[in-house]
Amino acid sequence: MRICEKKGQHAEGVVAFSPDGLILATGAADDSKLKLWDAATGGLVKALKADVDDAVSIAFSRDGKFLAAGSSGDATVTLWDVASGKVINSFKSDQKVVSPDFNVTLSPDGRFVAAAGSDKYARLWDIAAGQEIARFASGKENVSPSDREDANCVAFSPNGKILAVGFGSAVMLWDVTNIVGSH
């Protein structure tokens, strides 16, 4: 079965299945909307109603209620309520340029979103408060920020206590229990 085929346009650039496997979310650089598809029939369920400038990473929450998208064009993470299609919040990096390595993930409890990008940092936002609560850099502490490595990818441990961040030549792990426990 084929879904999302577009004649004369670029193919979908990012894809993610909902945790129950019923919905496939897609996004493309030449289309400013994310689309939700019925994975069984290939039919379009809905197009999410917010501009996403070059989505390079999408992720569902563990319960499938939320969808996060990282946009390299404007260095923003946008979070939607999947059922309503409404934007819950947008989280903006203070950097203007974020590479295609921009990666997003949601915590297992759905309370936090993390993103990594070429501005040398991974960030952690509290979804309910809409605020950045932590910023993580590679372990090279005695060098200027321009000499640090880009943060390429992020992942929470299944229990949500550890945030893994992939930098150019290393993966670093942070215990985030004290950070998230205070929010």
C-alpha atoms as a PDB file:
ATOM      1  CA  MET A   1       0.000   0.000   0.000  1.00  0.00           C
ATOM      2  CA  ARG A   2       1.205   3.517  -0.759  1.00  0.00           C
ATOM      3  CA  ILE A   3       0.105   6.568   1.122  1.00  0.00           C
ATOM      4  CA  CYS A   4       1.108  10.204   0.885  1.00  0.00           C
ATOM      5  CA  GLU A   5       2.194   9.950  -2.747  1.00  0.00           C
ATOM      6  CA  LYS A   6       2.508  13.389  -4.318  1.00  0.00           C
ATOM      7  CA  LYS A   7       3.191  13.775  -8.014  1.00  0.00           C
ATOM      8  CA  GLY A   8       5.766  16.448  -8.735  1.00  0.00           C
ATOM      9  CA  GLN A   9       6.584  17.056  -5.079  1.00  0.00           C
ATOM     10  CA  HIS A  10       9.173  15.807  -2.641  1.00  0.00           C
ATOM     11  CA  ALA A  11       8.344  12.709  -0.677  1.00  0.00           C
ATOM     12  CA  GLU A  12       7.638  12.831   3.012  1.00  0.00           C
ATOM     13  CA  GLY A  13      10.829  13.589   4.918  1.00  0.00           C
ATOM     14  CA  VAL A  14       9.916  12.426   8.418  1.00  0.00           C
ATOM     15  CA  VAL A  15       7.620   9.666   9.596  1.00  0.00           C
ATOM     16  CA  ALA A  16       6.527   8.252  12.958  1.00  0.00           C
ATOM     17  CA  PHE A  17       3.975   5.663  13.995  1.00  0.00           C
ATOM     18  CA  SER A  18       1.723   6.292  16.955  1.00  0.00           C
ATOM     19  CA  PRO A  19       2.485   3.857  19.808  1.00  0.00           C
ATOM     20  CA  ASP A  20      -0.600   1.777  18.978  1.00  0.00           C
ATOM     21  CA  GLY A  21       0.418   1.627  15.296  1.00  0.00           C
ATOM     22  CA  LEU A  22      -2.904   2.991  14.067  1.00  0.00           C
ATOM     23  CA  ILE A  23      -1.686   6.426  12.925  1.00  0.00           C
ATOM     24  CA  LEU A  24       1.295   7.374  10.768  1.00  0.00           C
ATOM     25  CA  ALA A  25       2.465  10.984  11.074  1.00  0.00           C
ATOM     26  CA  THR A  26       4.386  12.493   8.151  1.00  0.00           C
ATOM     27  CA  GLY A  27       6.025  15.777   7.268  1.00  0.00           C
ATOM     28  CA  ALA A  28       7.957  17.160   4.319  1.00  0.00           C
ATOM     29  CA  ALA A  29      10.178  20.150   3.635  1.00  0.00           C
ATOM     30  CA  ASP A  30       7.937  21.382   0.825  1.00  0.00           C
ATOM     31  CA  ASP A  31       4.736  21.183   2.856  1.00  0.00           C
ATOM     32  CA  SER A  32       4.279  23.332   5.963  1.00  0.00           C
ATOM     33  CA  LYS A  33       1.795  20.960   7.594  1.00  0.00           C
ATOM     34  CA  LEU A  34       2.136  17.617   9.288  1.00  0.00           C
ATOM     35  CA  LYS A  35      -0.336  14.972   8.241  1.00  0.00           C
ATOM     36  CA  LEU A  36      -1.865  12.086  10.175  1.00  0.00           C
ATOM     37  CA  TRP A  37      -2.754   8.987   8.149  1.00  0.00           C
ATOM     38  CA  ASP A  38      -4.749   5.866   8.952  1.00  0.00           C
ATOM     39  CA  ALA A  39      -2.013   3.224   8.866  1.00  0.00           C
ATOM     40  CA  ALA A  40      -4.426   0.454   7.861  1.00  0.00           C
ATOM     41  CA  THR A  41      -6.225   2.200   4.990  1.00  0.00           C
ATOM     42  CA  GLY A  42      -3.761   4.897   3.956  1.00  0.00           C
ATOM     43  CA  GLY A  43      -6.479   7.537   4.248  1.00  0.00           C
ATOM     44  CA  LEU A  44      -5.716  11.019   5.482  1.00  0.00           C
ATOM     45  CA  VAL A  45      -7.065  11.491   9.019  1.00  0.00           C
ATOM     46  CA  LYS A  46      -6.143  15.158   9.433  1.00  0.00           C
ATOM     47  CA  ALA A  47      -3.581  17.822   8.606  1.00  0.00           C
ATOM     48  CA  LEU A  48      -2.254  19.607  11.645  1.00  0.00           C
ATOM     49  CA  LYS A  49      -3.014  23.318  11.523  1.00  0.00           C
ATOM     50  CA  ALA A  50       0.287  25.004  12.240  1.00  0.00           C
ATOM     51  CA  ASP A  51       3.144  26.040  10.045  1.00  0.00           C
ATOM     52  CA  VAL A  52       6.147  23.798  10.431  1.00  0.00           C
ATOM     53  CA  ASP A  53       9.126  25.181   8.570  1.00  0.00           C
ATOM     54  CA  ASP A  54      11.063  22.104   7.392  1.00  0.00           C
ATOM     55  CA  ALA A  55      10.153  19.400   9.915  1.00  0.00           C
ATOM     56  CA  VAL A  56      13.202  17.220  10.476  1.00  0.00           C
ATOM     57  CA  SER A  57      12.068  15.145  13.435  1.00  0.00           C
ATOM     58  CA  ILE A  58       8.690  14.024  14.781  1.00  0.00           C
ATOM     59  CA  ALA A  59       7.806  11.933  17.808  1.00  0.00           C
ATOM     60  CA  PHE A  60       4.650  10.740  19.522  1.00  0.00           C
ATOM     61  CA  SER A  61       4.227  10.669  23.273  1.00  0.00           C
ATOM     62  CA  ARG A  62       4.138   7.178  24.775  1.00  0.00           C
ATOM     63  CA  ASP A  63       0.340   7.346  25.161  1.00  0.00           C
ATOM     64  CA  GLY A  64      -0.109   8.703  21.614  1.00  0.00           C
ATOM     65  CA  LYS A  65      -1.938  11.827  22.796  1.00  0.00           C
ATOM     66  CA  PHE A  66       0.759  14.288  21.713  1.00  0.00           C
ATOM     67  CA  LEU A  67       2.935  14.760  18.653  1.00  0.00           C
ATOM     68  CA  ALA A  68       6.099  16.872  18.706  1.00  0.00           C
ATOM     69  CA  ALA A  69       7.856  18.181  15.604  1.00  0.00           C
ATOM     70  CA  GLY A  70      11.301  19.745  15.404  1.00  0.00           C
ATOM     71  CA  SER A  71      11.676  22.365  12.700  1.00  0.00           C
ATOM     72  CA  SER A  72      15.122  23.218  11.376  1.00  0.00           C
ATOM     73  CA  GLY A  73      13.893  26.306   9.521  1.00  0.00           C
ATOM     74  CA  ASP A  74      12.974  28.302  12.613  1.00  0.00           C
ATOM     75  CA  ALA A  75      14.538  26.160  15.382  1.00  0.00           C
ATOM     76  CA  THR A  76      11.154  25.468  16.968  1.00  0.00           C
ATOM     77  CA  VAL A  77       9.616  22.409  18.575  1.00  0.00           C
ATOM     78  CA  THR A  78       5.834  22.413  18.172  1.00  0.00           C
ATOM     79  CA  LEU A  79       3.586  20.163  20.242  1.00  0.00           C
ATOM     80  CA  TRP A  80       0.078  19.135  19.142  1.00  0.00           C
ATOM     81  CA  ASP A  81      -2.821  17.408  20.823  1.00  0.00           C
ATOM     82  CA  VAL A  82      -3.397  14.565  18.347  1.00  0.00           C
ATOM     83  CA  ALA A  83      -7.153  14.176  18.993  1.00  0.00           C
ATOM     84  CA  SER A  84      -8.032  17.835  18.492  1.00  0.00           C
ATOM     85  CA  GLY A  85      -5.213  18.763  16.111  1.00  0.00           C
ATOM     86  CA  LYS A  86      -4.596  21.925  18.146  1.00  0.00           C
ATOM     87  CA  VAL A  87      -1.165  23.290  19.017  1.00  0.00           C
ATOM     88  CA  ILE A  88      -0.493  22.953  22.723  1.00  0.00           C
ATOM     89  CA  ASN A  89       2.745  24.900  22.759  1.00  0.00           C
ATOM     90  CA  SER A  90       5.789  25.915  20.734  1.00  0.00           C
ATOM     91  CA  PHE A  91       9.272  25.895  22.161  1.00  0.00           C
ATOM     92  CA  LYS A  92      11.843  28.085  20.443  1.00  0.00           C
ATOM     93  CA  SER A  93      15.586  27.752  20.552  1.00  0.00           C
ATOM     94  CA  ASP A  94      17.474  31.007  20.947  1.00  0.00           C
ATOM     95  CA  GLN A  95      19.547  30.012  17.915  1.00  0.00           C
ATOM     96  CA  LYS A  96      18.424  30.976  14.418  1.00  0.00           C
ATOM     97  CA  VAL A  97      19.999  28.073  12.563  1.00  0.00           C
ATOM     98  CA  VAL A  98      19.494  24.460  13.527  1.00  0.00           C
ATOM     99  CA  SER A  99      20.760  21.698  11.293  1.00  0.00           C
ATOM    100  CA  PRO A 100      18.879  18.722   9.877  1.00  0.00           C
ATOM    101  CA  ASP A 101      20.238  16.844  12.894  1.00  0.00           C
ATOM    102  CA  PHE A 102      17.578  18.597  14.993  1.00  0.00           C
ATOM    103  CA  ASN A 103      15.929  15.782  16.933  1.00  0.00           C
ATOM    104  CA  VAL A 104      12.992  15.718  19.360  1.00  0.00           C
ATOM    105  CA  THR A 105      11.629  13.295  21.925  1.00  0.00           C
ATOM    106  CA  LEU A 106       8.996  13.342  24.641  1.00  0.00           C
ATOM    107  CA  SER A 107       9.483  12.014  28.150  1.00  0.00           C
ATOM    108  CA  PRO A 108       7.686   8.736  28.927  1.00  0.00           C
ATOM    109  CA  ASP A 109       5.227  10.554  31.221  1.00  0.00           C
ATOM    110  CA  GLY A 110       4.483  13.168  28.518  1.00  0.00           C
ATOM    111  CA  ARG A 111       5.450  16.105  30.760  1.00  0.00           C
ATOM    112  CA  PHE A 112       8.686  17.134  29.028  1.00  0.00           C
ATOM    113  CA  VAL A 113      10.056  17.541  25.531  1.00  0.00           C
ATOM    114  CA  ALA A 114      13.765  17.434  24.691  1.00  0.00           C
ATOM    115  CA  ALA A 115      15.492  18.581  21.525  1.00  0.00           C
ATOM    116  CA  ALA A 116      19.028  18.526  20.174  1.00  0.00           C
ATOM    117  CA  GLY A 117      20.553  20.597  17.407  1.00  0.00           C
ATOM    118  CA  SER A 118      23.578  22.217  15.853  1.00  0.00           C
ATOM    119  CA  ASP A 119      23.639  25.088  18.331  1.00  0.00           C
ATOM    120  CA  LYS A 120      25.774  22.763  20.532  1.00  0.00           C
ATOM    121  CA  TYR A 121      23.039  22.131  23.112  1.00  0.00           C
ATOM    122  CA  ALA A 122      20.236  19.771  23.959  1.00  0.00           C
ATOM    123  CA  ARG A 123      17.316  21.467  25.671  1.00  0.00           C
ATOM    124  CA  LEU A 124      14.623  20.249  28.026  1.00  0.00           C
ATOM    125  CA  TRP A 125      11.263  22.031  28.227  1.00  0.00           C
ATOM    126  CA  ASP A 126       8.425  21.658  30.711  1.00  0.00           C
ATOM    127  CA  ILE A 127       5.343  21.260  28.498  1.00  0.00           C
ATOM    128  CA  ALA A 128       2.756  22.582  30.980  1.00  0.00           C
ATOM    129  CA  ALA A 129       4.839  25.615  31.957  1.00  0.00           C
ATOM    130  CA  GLY A 130       6.062  26.237  28.410  1.00  0.00           C
ATOM    131  CA  GLN A 131       9.555  26.953  29.716  1.00  0.00           C
ATOM    132  CA  GLU A 132      13.058  25.684  29.089  1.00  0.00           C
ATOM    133  CA  ILE A 133      14.176  24.064  32.339  1.00  0.00           C
ATOM    134  CA  ALA A 134      17.608  22.716  31.393  1.00  0.00           C
ATOM    135  CA  ARG A 135      20.298  22.944  28.746  1.00  0.00           C
ATOM    136  CA  PHE A 136      22.986  20.306  28.172  1.00  0.00           C
ATOM    137  CA  ALA A 137      26.330  20.696  26.361  1.00  0.00           C
ATOM    138  CA  SER A 138      29.053  18.218  25.491  1.00  0.00           C
ATOM    139  CA  GLY A 139      31.544  17.448  28.226  1.00  0.00           C
ATOM    140  CA  LYS A 140      34.152  19.808  26.848  1.00  0.00           C
ATOM    141  CA  GLU A 141      33.706  22.395  29.573  1.00  0.00           C
ATOM    142  CA  ASN A 142      36.995  24.264  29.208  1.00  0.00           C
ATOM    143  CA  VAL A 143      36.505  25.186  25.561  1.00  0.00           C
ATOM    144  CA  SER A 144      34.579  27.967  23.930  1.00  0.00           C
ATOM    145  CA  PRO A 145      31.023  27.136  22.826  1.00  0.00           C
ATOM    146  CA  SER A 146      32.084  27.338  19.174  1.00  0.00           C
ATOM    147  CA  ASP A 147      34.520  24.451  19.758  1.00  0.00           C
ATOM    148  CA  ARG A 148      31.910  22.173  21.326  1.00  0.00           C
ATOM    149  CA  GLU A 149      30.273  19.440  19.286  1.00  0.00           C
ATOM    150  CA  ASP A 150      26.725  19.641  17.947  1.00  0.00           C
ATOM    151  CA  ALA A 151      24.012  17.783  19.818  1.00  0.00           C
ATOM    152  CA  ASN A 152      22.627  15.364  17.219  1.00  0.00           C
ATOM    153  CA  CYS A 153      20.032  13.225  18.970  1.00  0.00           C
ATOM    154  CA  VAL A 154      18.166  12.806  22.250  1.00  0.00           C
ATOM    155  CA  ALA A 155      16.348   9.930  23.957  1.00  0.00           C
ATOM    156  CA  PHE A 156      14.775   9.348  27.350  1.00  0.00           C
ATOM    157  CA  SER A 157      15.267   6.079  29.203  1.00  0.00           C
ATOM    158  CA  PRO A 158      12.039   4.060  29.535  1.00  0.00           C
ATOM    159  CA  ASN A 159      11.587   5.273  33.133  1.00  0.00           C
ATOM    160  CA  GLY A 160      12.282   8.913  32.160  1.00  0.00           C
ATOM    161  CA  LYS A 161      15.115   9.335  34.665  1.00  0.00           C
ATOM    162  CA  ILE A 162      17.981   9.511  32.173  1.00  0.00           C
ATOM    163  CA  LEU A 163      18.334  11.742  29.120  1.00  0.00           C
ATOM    164  CA  ALA A 164      20.834  10.498  26.544  1.00  0.00           C
ATOM    165  CA  VAL A 165      22.313  13.057  24.162  1.00  0.00           C
ATOM    166  CA  GLY A 166      24.418  12.116  21.164  1.00  0.00           C
ATOM    167  CA  PHE A 167      27.165  14.561  20.334  1.00  0.00           C
ATOM    168  CA  GLY A 168      29.568  14.277  17.395  1.00  0.00           C
ATOM    169  CA  SER A 169      31.866  11.708  18.981  1.00  0.00           C
ATOM    170  CA  ALA A 170      30.171  10.752  22.241  1.00  0.00           C
ATOM    171  CA  VAL A 171      26.899   9.958  23.921  1.00  0.00           C
ATOM    172  CA  MET A 172      26.409  11.598  27.276  1.00  0.00           C
ATOM    173  CA  LEU A 173      23.872  10.599  29.899  1.00  0.00           C
ATOM    174  CA  TRP A 174      22.246  12.964  32.374  1.00  0.00           C
ATOM    175  CA  ASP A 175      20.228  12.011  35.408  1.00  0.00           C
ATOM    176  CA  VAL A 176      17.285  14.381  35.049  1.00  0.00           C
ATOM    177  CA  THR A 177      15.333  13.227  38.114  1.00  0.00           C
ATOM    178  CA  ASN A 178      16.306  16.325  40.125  1.00  0.00           C
ATOM    179  CA  ILE A 179      15.451  18.614  37.228  1.00  0.00           C
ATOM    180  CA  VAL A 180      12.097  17.082  36.356  1.00  0.00           C
ATOM    181  CA  GLY A 181      11.247  16.354  39.992  1.00  0.00           C
ATOM    182  CA  SER A 182      11.175  20.071  40.757  1.00  0.00           C
ATOM    183  CA  HIS A 183       8.672  20.772  37.948  1.00  0.00           C
END
